[in-house]
Amino acid sequence: MIVVSCLLDREAFPWQAYWYRARVQEHLRATVDDRFRLWFIDNALHGDDDPQEFPDRTVAYLGALETALRQLVAWVERDEDPTPTSVYRVSDGQIVLPASVEARGGVQPVATLTINGRNHAIVRTGESFDIHLDVEAPAGGIVVEVRPDFTGSGRLGDPIALEPAPSLAIDQQLVLDEPGTYLLSARVAAQTEADPISPHARVQNIARARLTVTD
């Protein structure tokens, strides 16, 4: 069995998946990893709507579900081990994943967005600022898509032209002329089987950073 649990799920809380795995482990004990996997998906809700209601804030989990179905078939029919259970800890009832893709495992890419090297920057109107995006795919996968909203409009732009790779970095310099608070974001997708052509098994994640523009 492979369980896919979303960390922003409001209807089926992620700690419930942790609880379920604990019950499975009580039954299977040391052999739990021979029969069971649990993957946590960050920034995903309960619904599988695509596009999302707020596409600059959340992602769909369908790519992870497709990956789980493919790996489950390979596990059952060909005895090919699926991606291991996500690495996580439980803190005050919350599931917490490590920051890096190497540390957390699972099938989801990890993206980090900074403005002038920070996750919150303050600039003046007309002052340029530097955007830096790092994306890393999970083991065996490649980054195949980046859709930015680097102006805080709430709408994702067209995909950035890129060469699919296990990791990539994107740098841009921008200027905003109106004062206000802007939430910049970038939605990324990794194809877990390293197939840049396939529209399936593309697992998404999103990175965000806050920019305050003053007079």
N, C-alpha and C. Protein backbone atom coordinates (compact mmCIF):
# COMPACT_ATOMS: atom_id res chain seq x y z
N MET A 1 0.84 -1.19 0.00
CA MET A 1 0.00 0.00 0.00
C MET A 1 0.88 1.25 0.00
N ILE A 2 0.46 2.24 -0.78
CA ILE A 2 1.11 3.55 -0.77
C ILE A 2 0.06 4.59 -0.42
N VAL A 3 0.27 5.31 0.66
CA VAL A 3 -0.63 6.36 1.10
C VAL A 3 -0.03 7.71 0.72
N VAL A 4 -0.83 8.55 0.06
CA VAL A 4 -0.43 9.91 -0.29
C VAL A 4 -1.24 10.87 0.58
N SER A 5 -0.55 11.66 1.40
CA SER A 5 -1.23 12.57 2.33
C SER A 5 -0.75 13.99 2.09
N CYS A 6 -1.70 14.93 2.05
CA CYS A 6 -1.38 16.33 1.74
C CYS A 6 -1.29 17.15 3.03
N LEU A 7 -0.24 17.94 3.13
CA LEU A 7 0.02 18.65 4.39
C LEU A 7 -0.94 19.81 4.63
N LEU A 8 -1.62 20.31 3.60
CA LEU A 8 -2.60 21.38 3.80
C LEU A 8 -4.03 20.85 3.72
N ASP A 9 -4.18 19.55 3.84
CA ASP A 9 -5.51 18.93 3.77
C ASP A 9 -6.34 19.37 4.97
N ARG A 10 -7.50 19.98 4.69
CA ARG A 10 -8.37 20.47 5.75
C ARG A 10 -9.46 19.47 6.12
N GLU A 11 -9.64 18.45 5.28
CA GLU A 11 -10.69 17.46 5.53
C GLU A 11 -10.14 16.15 6.10
N ALA A 12 -8.95 15.78 5.69
CA ALA A 12 -8.29 14.57 6.21
C ALA A 12 -6.90 15.00 6.66
N PHE A 13 -6.78 15.31 7.93
CA PHE A 13 -5.55 15.93 8.44
C PHE A 13 -4.35 15.00 8.26
N PRO A 14 -3.19 15.56 7.95
CA PRO A 14 -2.02 14.70 7.70
C PRO A 14 -1.60 13.86 8.90
N TRP A 15 -1.86 14.31 10.12
CA TRP A 15 -1.49 13.49 11.27
C TRP A 15 -2.28 12.18 11.28
N GLN A 16 -3.44 12.16 10.62
CA GLN A 16 -4.21 10.92 10.56
C GLN A 16 -3.48 9.86 9.75
N ALA A 17 -2.75 10.29 8.70
CA ALA A 17 -1.95 9.34 7.93
C ALA A 17 -0.80 8.81 8.77
N TYR A 18 -0.20 9.69 9.56
CA TYR A 18 0.86 9.25 10.49
C TYR A 18 0.30 8.23 11.48
N TRP A 19 -0.89 8.52 12.02
CA TRP A 19 -1.53 7.60 12.96
C TRP A 19 -1.80 6.25 12.30
N TYR A 20 -2.28 6.28 11.05
CA TYR A 20 -2.58 5.04 10.34
C TYR A 20 -1.32 4.21 10.13
N ARG A 21 -0.23 4.90 9.75
CA ARG A 21 1.02 4.15 9.57
C ARG A 21 1.45 3.50 10.88
N ALA A 22 1.26 4.21 11.99
CA ALA A 22 1.62 3.64 13.29
C ALA A 22 0.82 2.37 13.57
N ARG A 23 -0.46 2.35 13.18
CA ARG A 23 -1.27 1.14 13.40
C ARG A 23 -0.78 0.00 12.50
N VAL A 24 -0.41 0.34 11.26
CA VAL A 24 0.13 -0.68 10.35
C VAL A 24 1.42 -1.25 10.92
N GLN A 25 2.26 -0.36 11.47
CA GLN A 25 3.53 -0.81 12.03
C GLN A 25 3.32 -1.70 13.25
N GLU A 26 2.29 -1.41 14.04
CA GLU A 26 1.97 -2.28 15.17
C GLU A 26 1.69 -3.70 14.70
N HIS A 27 1.07 -3.81 13.54
CA HIS A 27 0.69 -5.12 13.01
C HIS A 27 1.86 -5.80 12.30
N LEU A 28 2.57 -5.04 11.45
CA LEU A 28 3.63 -5.64 10.63
C LEU A 28 5.00 -5.60 11.31
N ARG A 29 5.14 -4.71 12.29
CA ARG A 29 6.39 -4.56 13.04
C ARG A 29 7.57 -4.29 12.10
N ALA A 30 8.61 -5.08 12.16
CA ALA A 30 9.84 -4.78 11.41
C ALA A 30 9.66 -4.91 9.90
N THR A 31 8.58 -5.52 9.47
CA THR A 31 8.37 -5.71 8.02
C THR A 31 7.48 -4.64 7.41
N VAL A 32 7.22 -3.56 8.14
CA VAL A 32 6.28 -2.55 7.64
C VAL A 32 6.73 -1.98 6.29
N ASP A 33 8.03 -1.79 6.11
CA ASP A 33 8.50 -1.21 4.85
C ASP A 33 8.45 -2.19 3.69
N ASP A 34 8.16 -3.45 3.97
CA ASP A 34 7.97 -4.42 2.90
C ASP A 34 6.57 -4.36 2.32
N ARG A 35 5.67 -3.65 3.02
CA ARG A 35 4.26 -3.66 2.62
C ARG A 35 3.61 -2.29 2.53
N PHE A 36 4.31 -1.25 3.01
CA PHE A 36 3.61 0.02 3.21
C PHE A 36 4.55 1.20 2.94
N ARG A 37 4.00 2.24 2.30
CA ARG A 37 4.70 3.51 2.11
C ARG A 37 3.75 4.66 2.45
N LEU A 38 4.34 5.75 2.96
CA LEU A 38 3.59 6.97 3.24
C LEU A 38 4.37 8.15 2.67
N TRP A 39 3.75 8.85 1.71
CA TRP A 39 4.36 10.03 1.11
C TRP A 39 3.56 11.26 1.51
N PHE A 40 4.23 12.24 2.08
CA PHE A 40 3.59 13.51 2.38
C PHE A 40 3.86 14.49 1.24
N ILE A 41 2.81 15.23 0.85
CA ILE A 41 2.90 16.21 -0.23
C ILE A 41 2.65 17.60 0.35
N ASP A 42 3.64 18.44 0.25
CA ASP A 42 3.57 19.79 0.82
C ASP A 42 2.74 20.71 -0.08
N ASN A 43 2.08 21.67 0.54
CA ASN A 43 1.34 22.74 -0.16
C ASN A 43 0.18 22.22 -1.01
N ALA A 44 -0.36 21.06 -0.66
CA ALA A 44 -1.50 20.50 -1.40
C ALA A 44 -2.69 20.35 -0.47
N LEU A 45 -3.89 20.57 -1.03
CA LEU A 45 -5.14 20.49 -0.30
C LEU A 45 -5.80 19.12 -0.49
N HIS A 46 -7.02 19.00 0.02
CA HIS A 46 -7.77 17.75 -0.09
C HIS A 46 -8.27 17.52 -1.52
N GLY A 47 -8.71 18.57 -2.18
CA GLY A 47 -9.25 18.43 -3.52
C GLY A 47 -8.17 18.33 -4.57
N ASP A 48 -8.54 17.74 -5.71
CA ASP A 48 -7.56 17.56 -6.79
C ASP A 48 -7.81 18.53 -7.94
N ASP A 49 -8.43 19.68 -7.65
CA ASP A 49 -8.74 20.65 -8.69
C ASP A 49 -7.48 21.14 -9.39
N ASP A 50 -7.56 21.24 -10.69
CA ASP A 50 -6.46 21.79 -11.47
C ASP A 50 -7.07 22.56 -12.65
N PRO A 51 -6.99 23.90 -12.66
CA PRO A 51 -6.17 24.71 -11.77
C PRO A 51 -6.77 24.85 -10.36
N GLN A 52 -5.91 25.19 -9.43
CA GLN A 52 -6.32 25.42 -8.06
C GLN A 52 -7.05 26.76 -7.93
N GLU A 53 -7.83 26.89 -6.86
CA GLU A 53 -8.53 28.15 -6.62
C GLU A 53 -7.54 29.30 -6.46
N PHE A 54 -6.44 29.03 -5.75
CA PHE A 54 -5.38 30.02 -5.58
C PHE A 54 -4.07 29.38 -6.08
N PRO A 55 -3.84 29.43 -7.38
CA PRO A 55 -2.71 28.69 -7.96
C PRO A 55 -1.34 29.19 -7.52
N ASP A 56 -1.28 30.38 -6.92
CA ASP A 56 0.00 30.88 -6.43
C ASP A 56 0.26 30.47 -4.98
N ARG A 57 -0.66 29.66 -4.41
CA ARG A 57 -0.52 29.27 -3.01
C ARG A 57 -0.49 27.76 -2.80
N THR A 58 -1.23 27.02 -3.63
CA THR A 58 -1.33 25.57 -3.44
C THR A 58 -1.12 24.84 -4.76
N VAL A 59 -0.91 23.54 -4.66
CA VAL A 59 -0.69 22.71 -5.84
C VAL A 59 -1.63 21.51 -5.81
N ALA A 60 -1.85 20.92 -6.97
CA ALA A 60 -2.64 19.69 -7.06
C ALA A 60 -1.75 18.50 -6.71
N TYR A 61 -2.37 17.45 -6.18
CA TYR A 61 -1.61 16.26 -5.79
C TYR A 61 -1.71 15.14 -6.83
N LEU A 62 -2.34 15.39 -7.97
CA LEU A 62 -2.59 14.32 -8.93
C LEU A 62 -1.30 13.68 -9.44
N GLY A 63 -0.25 14.47 -9.63
CA GLY A 63 1.01 13.91 -10.09
C GLY A 63 1.58 12.90 -9.11
N ALA A 64 1.45 13.19 -7.82
CA ALA A 64 1.91 12.25 -6.80
C ALA A 64 1.05 10.99 -6.79
N LEU A 65 -0.26 11.17 -7.00
CA LEU A 65 -1.16 10.02 -7.05
C LEU A 65 -0.83 9.12 -8.24
N GLU A 66 -0.58 9.74 -9.40
CA GLU A 66 -0.21 8.95 -10.57
C GLU A 66 1.11 8.20 -10.34
N THR A 67 2.05 8.87 -9.69
CA THR A 67 3.31 8.22 -9.37
C THR A 67 3.10 7.04 -8.44
N ALA A 68 2.23 7.22 -7.44
CA ALA A 68 1.95 6.14 -6.49
C ALA A 68 1.33 4.94 -7.20
N LEU A 69 0.39 5.19 -8.10
CA LEU A 69 -0.25 4.09 -8.81
C LEU A 69 0.76 3.33 -9.67
N ARG A 70 1.64 4.06 -10.35
CA ARG A 70 2.64 3.41 -11.19
C ARG A 70 3.61 2.58 -10.35
N GLN A 71 4.06 3.16 -9.25
CA GLN A 71 5.02 2.44 -8.41
C GLN A 71 4.36 1.27 -7.68
N LEU A 72 3.09 1.40 -7.36
CA LEU A 72 2.39 0.30 -6.72
C LEU A 72 2.28 -0.90 -7.66
N VAL A 73 1.96 -0.63 -8.92
CA VAL A 73 1.90 -1.71 -9.91
C VAL A 73 3.26 -2.39 -10.04
N ALA A 74 4.32 -1.59 -10.13
CA ALA A 74 5.66 -2.17 -10.25
C ALA A 74 6.04 -2.97 -9.00
N TRP A 75 5.59 -2.52 -7.85
CA TRP A 75 5.87 -3.20 -6.58
C TRP A 75 5.18 -4.57 -6.54
N VAL A 76 3.91 -4.57 -6.92
CA VAL A 76 3.12 -5.80 -6.84
C VAL A 76 3.47 -6.78 -7.96
N GLU A 77 3.61 -6.27 -9.16
CA GLU A 77 3.77 -7.16 -10.31
C GLU A 77 5.21 -7.54 -10.59
N ARG A 78 6.16 -6.63 -10.27
CA ARG A 78 7.56 -6.90 -10.63
C ARG A 78 8.51 -6.86 -9.44
N ASP A 79 7.95 -6.70 -8.25
CA ASP A 79 8.74 -6.68 -7.02
C ASP A 79 9.80 -5.59 -7.03
N GLU A 80 9.45 -4.42 -7.63
CA GLU A 80 10.35 -3.27 -7.65
C GLU A 80 9.99 -2.35 -6.48
N ASP A 81 10.95 -2.12 -5.61
CA ASP A 81 10.68 -1.31 -4.42
C ASP A 81 10.28 0.11 -4.81
N PRO A 82 9.21 0.63 -4.23
CA PRO A 82 8.82 2.02 -4.49
C PRO A 82 9.67 2.99 -3.69
N THR A 83 9.50 4.26 -3.99
CA THR A 83 10.18 5.31 -3.23
C THR A 83 9.88 5.15 -1.74
N PRO A 84 10.89 5.24 -0.88
CA PRO A 84 10.65 5.04 0.55
C PRO A 84 9.68 6.07 1.14
N THR A 85 9.19 5.75 2.31
CA THR A 85 8.33 6.66 3.06
C THR A 85 9.04 7.99 3.30
N SER A 86 8.27 9.08 3.25
CA SER A 86 8.84 10.40 3.53
C SER A 86 9.45 10.44 4.92
N VAL A 87 10.51 11.22 5.05
CA VAL A 87 11.11 11.46 6.36
C VAL A 87 10.37 12.64 6.99
N TYR A 88 9.92 12.48 8.21
CA TYR A 88 9.13 13.53 8.85
C TYR A 88 9.22 13.41 10.36
N ARG A 89 8.77 14.46 11.03
CA ARG A 89 8.61 14.40 12.48
C ARG A 89 7.26 15.03 12.82
N VAL A 90 6.76 14.70 13.99
CA VAL A 90 5.48 15.23 14.45
C VAL A 90 5.75 16.21 15.58
N SER A 91 5.27 17.44 15.41
CA SER A 91 5.46 18.49 16.42
C SER A 91 4.13 19.15 16.72
N ASP A 92 3.63 18.98 17.93
CA ASP A 92 2.34 19.56 18.34
C ASP A 92 1.22 19.21 17.36
N GLY A 93 1.21 17.98 16.92
CA GLY A 93 0.17 17.52 16.02
C GLY A 93 0.37 17.89 14.57
N GLN A 94 1.49 18.54 14.25
CA GLN A 94 1.78 18.94 12.88
C GLN A 94 2.87 18.04 12.29
N ILE A 95 2.72 17.70 11.02
CA ILE A 95 3.74 16.95 10.31
C ILE A 95 4.77 17.94 9.76
N VAL A 96 6.02 17.75 10.10
CA VAL A 96 7.09 18.65 9.68
C VAL A 96 8.08 17.87 8.83
N LEU A 97 8.34 18.38 7.63
CA LEU A 97 9.29 17.74 6.72
C LEU A 97 10.62 18.48 6.76
N PRO A 98 11.73 17.79 6.54
CA PRO A 98 13.02 18.48 6.41
C PRO A 98 13.01 19.45 5.24
N ALA A 99 13.94 20.39 5.26
CA ALA A 99 13.93 21.45 4.24
C ALA A 99 14.41 20.96 2.88
N SER A 100 15.38 20.06 2.85
CA SER A 100 15.98 19.67 1.58
C SER A 100 15.33 18.42 1.02
N VAL A 101 15.40 18.28 -0.30
CA VAL A 101 14.79 17.12 -0.95
C VAL A 101 15.54 15.84 -0.58
N GLU A 102 16.86 15.93 -0.37
CA GLU A 102 17.62 14.75 0.02
C GLU A 102 17.20 14.25 1.39
N ALA A 103 16.94 15.19 2.30
CA ALA A 103 16.61 14.80 3.66
C ALA A 103 15.18 14.30 3.79
N ARG A 104 14.25 14.87 3.03
CA ARG A 104 12.85 14.49 3.21
C ARG A 104 12.45 13.28 2.39
N GLY A 105 13.15 12.99 1.30
CA GLY A 105 12.79 11.84 0.48
C GLY A 105 11.44 12.06 -0.19
N GLY A 106 10.69 10.99 -0.38
CA GLY A 106 9.41 11.10 -1.06
C GLY A 106 9.57 11.36 -2.54
N VAL A 107 8.50 11.87 -3.17
CA VAL A 107 8.49 12.04 -4.62
C VAL A 107 8.29 13.49 -5.06
N GLN A 108 8.26 14.41 -4.11
CA GLN A 108 7.96 15.80 -4.45
C GLN A 108 9.23 16.64 -4.57
N PRO A 109 9.29 17.50 -5.60
CA PRO A 109 10.44 18.41 -5.68
C PRO A 109 10.37 19.45 -4.57
N VAL A 110 11.50 20.07 -4.30
CA VAL A 110 11.58 21.13 -3.30
C VAL A 110 12.08 22.39 -3.99
N ALA A 111 11.40 23.50 -3.74
CA ALA A 111 11.78 24.78 -4.35
C ALA A 111 11.95 25.83 -3.25
N THR A 112 12.92 26.70 -3.45
CA THR A 112 13.17 27.80 -2.51
C THR A 112 13.27 29.10 -3.30
N LEU A 113 12.49 30.09 -2.89
CA LEU A 113 12.47 31.39 -3.56
C LEU A 113 12.95 32.46 -2.58
N THR A 114 13.90 33.27 -3.01
CA THR A 114 14.38 34.36 -2.17
C THR A 114 14.38 35.66 -2.96
N ILE A 115 14.28 36.76 -2.23
CA ILE A 115 14.35 38.11 -2.79
C ILE A 115 15.49 38.82 -2.08
N ASN A 116 16.48 39.21 -2.85
CA ASN A 116 17.70 39.79 -2.27
C ASN A 116 18.28 38.87 -1.19
N GLY A 117 18.19 37.56 -1.43
CA GLY A 117 18.77 36.58 -0.53
C GLY A 117 17.94 36.25 0.69
N ARG A 118 16.70 36.76 0.78
CA ARG A 118 15.88 36.53 1.96
C ARG A 118 14.47 36.13 1.54
N ASN A 119 13.71 35.57 2.50
CA ASN A 119 12.32 35.23 2.16
C ASN A 119 11.38 36.40 2.37
N HIS A 120 11.89 37.50 2.93
CA HIS A 120 11.12 38.75 3.01
C HIS A 120 12.10 39.90 2.82
N ALA A 121 11.86 40.69 1.80
CA ALA A 121 12.73 41.82 1.51
C ALA A 121 11.91 43.11 1.47
N ILE A 122 12.58 44.21 1.76
CA ILE A 122 11.95 45.54 1.71
C ILE A 122 12.76 46.40 0.75
N VAL A 123 12.07 46.96 -0.24
CA VAL A 123 12.73 47.85 -1.21
C VAL A 123 11.86 49.09 -1.40
N ARG A 124 12.43 50.08 -2.04
CA ARG A 124 11.68 51.29 -2.37
C ARG A 124 11.12 51.19 -3.78
N THR A 125 10.10 51.97 -4.06
CA THR A 125 9.54 51.99 -5.41
C THR A 125 10.64 52.38 -6.39
N GLY A 126 10.69 51.67 -7.50
CA GLY A 126 11.71 51.94 -8.51
C GLY A 126 13.05 51.32 -8.24
N GLU A 127 13.21 50.68 -7.08
CA GLU A 127 14.49 50.04 -6.74
C GLU A 127 14.48 48.59 -7.24
N SER A 128 15.52 48.19 -7.92
CA SER A 128 15.58 46.83 -8.44
C SER A 128 15.83 45.84 -7.30
N PHE A 129 15.35 44.63 -7.50
CA PHE A 129 15.58 43.56 -6.52
C PHE A 129 15.87 42.27 -7.27
N ASP A 130 16.62 41.40 -6.61
CA ASP A 130 17.07 40.15 -7.22
C ASP A 130 16.23 38.98 -6.73
N ILE A 131 15.74 38.20 -7.68
CA ILE A 131 14.97 37.00 -7.38
C ILE A 131 15.84 35.78 -7.68
N HIS A 132 15.86 34.85 -6.74
CA HIS A 132 16.61 33.62 -6.95
C HIS A 132 15.72 32.43 -6.59
N LEU A 133 15.62 31.49 -7.52
CA LEU A 133 14.81 30.29 -7.33
C LEU A 133 15.70 29.06 -7.48
N ASP A 134 15.69 28.21 -6.46
CA ASP A 134 16.37 26.91 -6.52
C ASP A 134 15.32 25.82 -6.55
N VAL A 135 15.50 24.84 -7.42
CA VAL A 135 14.57 23.71 -7.52
C VAL A 135 15.37 22.42 -7.57
N GLU A 136 14.95 21.44 -6.77
CA GLU A 136 15.59 20.13 -6.79
C GLU A 136 14.52 19.05 -6.91
N ALA A 137 14.74 18.13 -7.83
CA ALA A 137 13.83 17.00 -8.01
C ALA A 137 14.22 15.88 -7.05
N PRO A 138 13.27 15.02 -6.71
CA PRO A 138 13.61 13.85 -5.88
C PRO A 138 14.49 12.88 -6.66
N ALA A 139 15.06 11.93 -5.96
CA ALA A 139 15.97 10.97 -6.59
C ALA A 139 15.29 10.29 -7.77
N GLY A 140 15.97 10.29 -8.91
CA GLY A 140 15.45 9.65 -10.11
C GLY A 140 14.56 10.54 -10.96
N GLY A 141 14.23 11.74 -10.48
CA GLY A 141 13.34 12.62 -11.22
C GLY A 141 14.08 13.78 -11.85
N ILE A 142 13.34 14.56 -12.65
CA ILE A 142 13.90 15.76 -13.27
C ILE A 142 12.88 16.89 -13.18
N VAL A 143 13.39 18.10 -13.06
CA VAL A 143 12.53 19.29 -13.07
C VAL A 143 12.13 19.57 -14.51
N VAL A 144 10.82 19.65 -14.76
CA VAL A 144 10.35 19.81 -16.14
C VAL A 144 9.57 21.10 -16.35
N GLU A 145 9.18 21.79 -15.27
CA GLU A 145 8.38 23.00 -15.46
C GLU A 145 8.55 23.95 -14.30
N VAL A 146 8.62 25.24 -14.63
CA VAL A 146 8.60 26.33 -13.65
C VAL A 146 7.66 27.39 -14.18
N ARG A 147 6.62 27.70 -13.39
CA ARG A 147 5.68 28.77 -13.76
C ARG A 147 5.73 29.84 -12.67
N PRO A 148 6.24 31.02 -13.00
CA PRO A 148 6.46 32.04 -11.97
C PRO A 148 5.31 33.05 -11.87
N ASP A 149 5.22 33.63 -10.70
CA ASP A 149 4.48 34.87 -10.49
C ASP A 149 5.41 35.78 -9.70
N PHE A 150 6.31 36.43 -10.42
CA PHE A 150 7.34 37.24 -9.78
C PHE A 150 6.91 38.69 -9.58
N THR A 151 5.62 38.99 -9.85
CA THR A 151 5.11 40.33 -9.59
C THR A 151 4.02 40.33 -8.52
N GLY A 152 3.71 39.16 -7.96
CA GLY A 152 2.71 39.10 -6.91
C GLY A 152 1.30 39.34 -7.39
N SER A 153 1.02 38.99 -8.64
CA SER A 153 -0.31 39.25 -9.21
C SER A 153 -1.35 38.23 -8.76
N GLY A 154 -0.89 37.07 -8.26
CA GLY A 154 -1.80 35.99 -7.92
C GLY A 154 -2.09 35.07 -9.08
N ARG A 155 -1.48 35.33 -10.23
CA ARG A 155 -1.66 34.51 -11.43
C ARG A 155 -0.31 33.99 -11.90
N LEU A 156 -0.25 32.70 -12.16
CA LEU A 156 1.00 32.12 -12.64
C LEU A 156 1.23 32.51 -14.10
N GLY A 157 2.47 32.82 -14.42
CA GLY A 157 2.81 33.15 -15.79
C GLY A 157 3.05 31.91 -16.63
N ASP A 158 3.46 32.13 -17.86
CA ASP A 158 3.79 31.02 -18.75
C ASP A 158 5.03 30.29 -18.23
N PRO A 159 5.16 29.01 -18.55
CA PRO A 159 6.36 28.28 -18.13
C PRO A 159 7.64 28.92 -18.65
N ILE A 160 8.65 28.94 -17.81
CA ILE A 160 9.96 29.44 -18.21
C ILE A 160 10.66 28.40 -19.08
N ALA A 161 11.26 28.84 -20.15
CA ALA A 161 12.02 27.92 -21.00
C ALA A 161 13.20 27.36 -20.21
N LEU A 162 13.31 26.05 -20.16
CA LEU A 162 14.38 25.43 -19.39
C LEU A 162 14.76 24.08 -19.99
N GLU A 163 15.94 23.63 -19.65
CA GLU A 163 16.41 22.31 -20.02
C GLU A 163 16.15 21.38 -18.83
N PRO A 164 15.28 20.37 -18.99
CA PRO A 164 14.98 19.49 -17.86
C PRO A 164 16.25 18.92 -17.22
N ALA A 165 16.29 18.95 -15.90
CA ALA A 165 17.48 18.51 -15.17
C ALA A 165 17.08 18.15 -13.75
N PRO A 166 17.92 17.40 -13.04
CA PRO A 166 17.60 17.05 -11.65
C PRO A 166 17.50 18.27 -10.73
N SER A 167 18.20 19.33 -11.06
CA SER A 167 18.12 20.56 -10.27
C SER A 167 18.39 21.74 -11.18
N LEU A 168 17.91 22.90 -10.78
CA LEU A 168 18.18 24.09 -11.57
C LEU A 168 18.04 25.33 -10.69
N ALA A 169 18.61 26.42 -11.18
CA ALA A 169 18.53 27.71 -10.49
C ALA A 169 18.14 28.77 -11.51
N ILE A 170 17.28 29.68 -11.09
CA ILE A 170 16.80 30.76 -11.95
C ILE A 170 17.02 32.08 -11.23
N ASP A 171 17.59 33.05 -11.94
CA ASP A 171 17.81 34.38 -11.39
C ASP A 171 17.18 35.42 -12.29
N GLN A 172 16.49 36.37 -11.68
CA GLN A 172 15.92 37.49 -12.41
C GLN A 172 16.05 38.75 -11.57
N GLN A 173 16.05 39.89 -12.25
CA GLN A 173 16.07 41.18 -11.57
C GLN A 173 14.86 41.97 -12.04
N LEU A 174 14.09 42.49 -11.07
CA LEU A 174 12.85 43.18 -11.39
C LEU A 174 12.74 44.49 -10.63
N VAL A 175 11.76 45.30 -11.05
CA VAL A 175 11.45 46.57 -10.40
C VAL A 175 9.93 46.68 -10.29
N LEU A 176 9.43 47.12 -9.14
CA LEU A 176 8.01 47.41 -8.96
C LEU A 176 7.85 48.89 -8.60
N ASP A 177 6.87 49.52 -9.22
CA ASP A 177 6.73 50.97 -9.08
C ASP A 177 5.62 51.39 -8.13
N GLU A 178 4.82 50.43 -7.64
CA GLU A 178 3.73 50.77 -6.74
C GLU A 178 4.03 50.23 -5.34
N PRO A 179 3.86 51.07 -4.31
CA PRO A 179 4.08 50.57 -2.94
C PRO A 179 3.03 49.52 -2.56
N GLY A 180 3.42 48.63 -1.67
CA GLY A 180 2.50 47.59 -1.22
C GLY A 180 3.25 46.34 -0.80
N THR A 181 2.50 45.33 -0.41
CA THR A 181 3.06 44.04 -0.05
C THR A 181 2.74 43.04 -1.15
N TYR A 182 3.75 42.39 -1.67
CA TYR A 182 3.61 41.47 -2.79
C TYR A 182 4.08 40.07 -2.37
N LEU A 183 3.26 39.08 -2.67
CA LEU A 183 3.63 37.70 -2.42
C LEU A 183 4.05 37.06 -3.74
N LEU A 184 5.34 36.90 -3.91
CA LEU A 184 5.88 36.32 -5.14
C LEU A 184 5.91 34.80 -5.01
N SER A 185 5.76 34.11 -6.12
CA SER A 185 5.71 32.66 -6.06
C SER A 185 6.23 32.04 -7.35
N ALA A 186 6.49 30.75 -7.27
CA ALA A 186 6.87 29.96 -8.45
C ALA A 186 6.39 28.54 -8.22
N ARG A 187 5.58 28.05 -9.15
CA ARG A 187 5.14 26.65 -9.08
C ARG A 187 6.05 25.80 -9.95
N VAL A 188 6.54 24.73 -9.38
CA VAL A 188 7.48 23.86 -10.09
C VAL A 188 6.89 22.47 -10.21
N ALA A 189 7.40 21.71 -11.18
CA ALA A 189 6.96 20.33 -11.35
C ALA A 189 8.15 19.47 -11.72
N ALA A 190 8.19 18.27 -11.12
CA ALA A 190 9.22 17.29 -11.45
C ALA A 190 8.54 16.03 -11.97
N GLN A 191 9.08 15.47 -13.04
CA GLN A 191 8.59 14.20 -13.57
C GLN A 191 9.39 13.10 -12.90
N THR A 192 8.70 12.24 -12.16
CA THR A 192 9.39 11.32 -11.27
C THR A 192 10.10 10.18 -11.98
N GLU A 193 9.81 9.99 -13.27
CA GLU A 193 10.48 8.93 -14.02
C GLU A 193 11.47 9.49 -15.03
N ALA A 194 11.82 10.76 -14.85
CA ALA A 194 12.81 11.43 -15.71
C ALA A 194 12.39 11.44 -17.17
N ASP A 195 11.08 11.56 -17.42
CA ASP A 195 10.55 11.63 -18.78
C ASP A 195 10.04 13.04 -19.03
N PRO A 196 10.79 13.88 -19.74
CA PRO A 196 10.38 15.27 -19.92
C PRO A 196 9.17 15.44 -20.84
N ILE A 197 8.83 14.42 -21.61
CA ILE A 197 7.72 14.52 -22.56
C ILE A 197 6.39 14.18 -21.91
N SER A 198 6.40 13.25 -20.97
CA SER A 198 5.15 12.76 -20.39
C SER A 198 4.44 13.85 -19.59
N PRO A 199 3.12 14.00 -19.80
CA PRO A 199 2.35 14.95 -18.98
C PRO A 199 1.91 14.33 -17.66
N HIS A 200 2.21 13.05 -17.45
CA HIS A 200 1.76 12.33 -16.26
C HIS A 200 2.88 12.21 -15.23
N ALA A 201 2.48 11.90 -14.01
CA ALA A 201 3.44 11.71 -12.90
C ALA A 201 4.33 12.93 -12.73
N ARG A 202 3.74 14.11 -12.95
CA ARG A 202 4.45 15.36 -12.70
C ARG A 202 4.02 15.87 -11.32
N VAL A 203 4.92 15.81 -10.38
CA VAL A 203 4.61 16.19 -9.01
C VAL A 203 4.96 17.66 -8.81
N GLN A 204 4.00 18.42 -8.30
CA GLN A 204 4.18 19.87 -8.17
C GLN A 204 4.56 20.27 -6.75
N ASN A 205 5.15 21.44 -6.66
CA ASN A 205 5.36 22.12 -5.39
C ASN A 205 5.39 23.61 -5.68
N ILE A 206 5.39 24.41 -4.65
CA ILE A 206 5.38 25.86 -4.86
C ILE A 206 6.29 26.52 -3.83
N ALA A 207 6.94 27.59 -4.25
CA ALA A 207 7.79 28.38 -3.36
C ALA A 207 7.27 29.80 -3.35
N ARG A 208 7.35 30.45 -2.18
CA ARG A 208 6.82 31.81 -2.05
C ARG A 208 7.79 32.67 -1.26
N ALA A 209 7.73 33.97 -1.51
CA ALA A 209 8.52 34.94 -0.75
C ALA A 209 7.74 36.25 -0.73
N ARG A 210 8.00 37.06 0.29
CA ARG A 210 7.24 38.30 0.48
C ARG A 210 8.12 39.51 0.21
N LEU A 211 7.56 40.44 -0.54
CA LEU A 211 8.26 41.68 -0.87
C LEU A 211 7.42 42.86 -0.41
N THR A 212 8.04 43.75 0.34
CA THR A 212 7.38 44.99 0.75
C THR A 212 8.02 46.14 -0.01
N VAL A 213 7.19 46.88 -0.75
CA VAL A 213 7.67 48.03 -1.52
C VAL A 213 7.17 49.30 -0.85
N THR A 214 8.08 50.17 -0.48
CA THR A 214 7.72 51.40 0.22
C THR A 214 7.98 52.61 -0.67
N ASP A 215 7.37 53.74 -0.30
CA ASP A 215 7.60 54.99 -1.04
C ASP A 215 9.04 55.47 -0.85
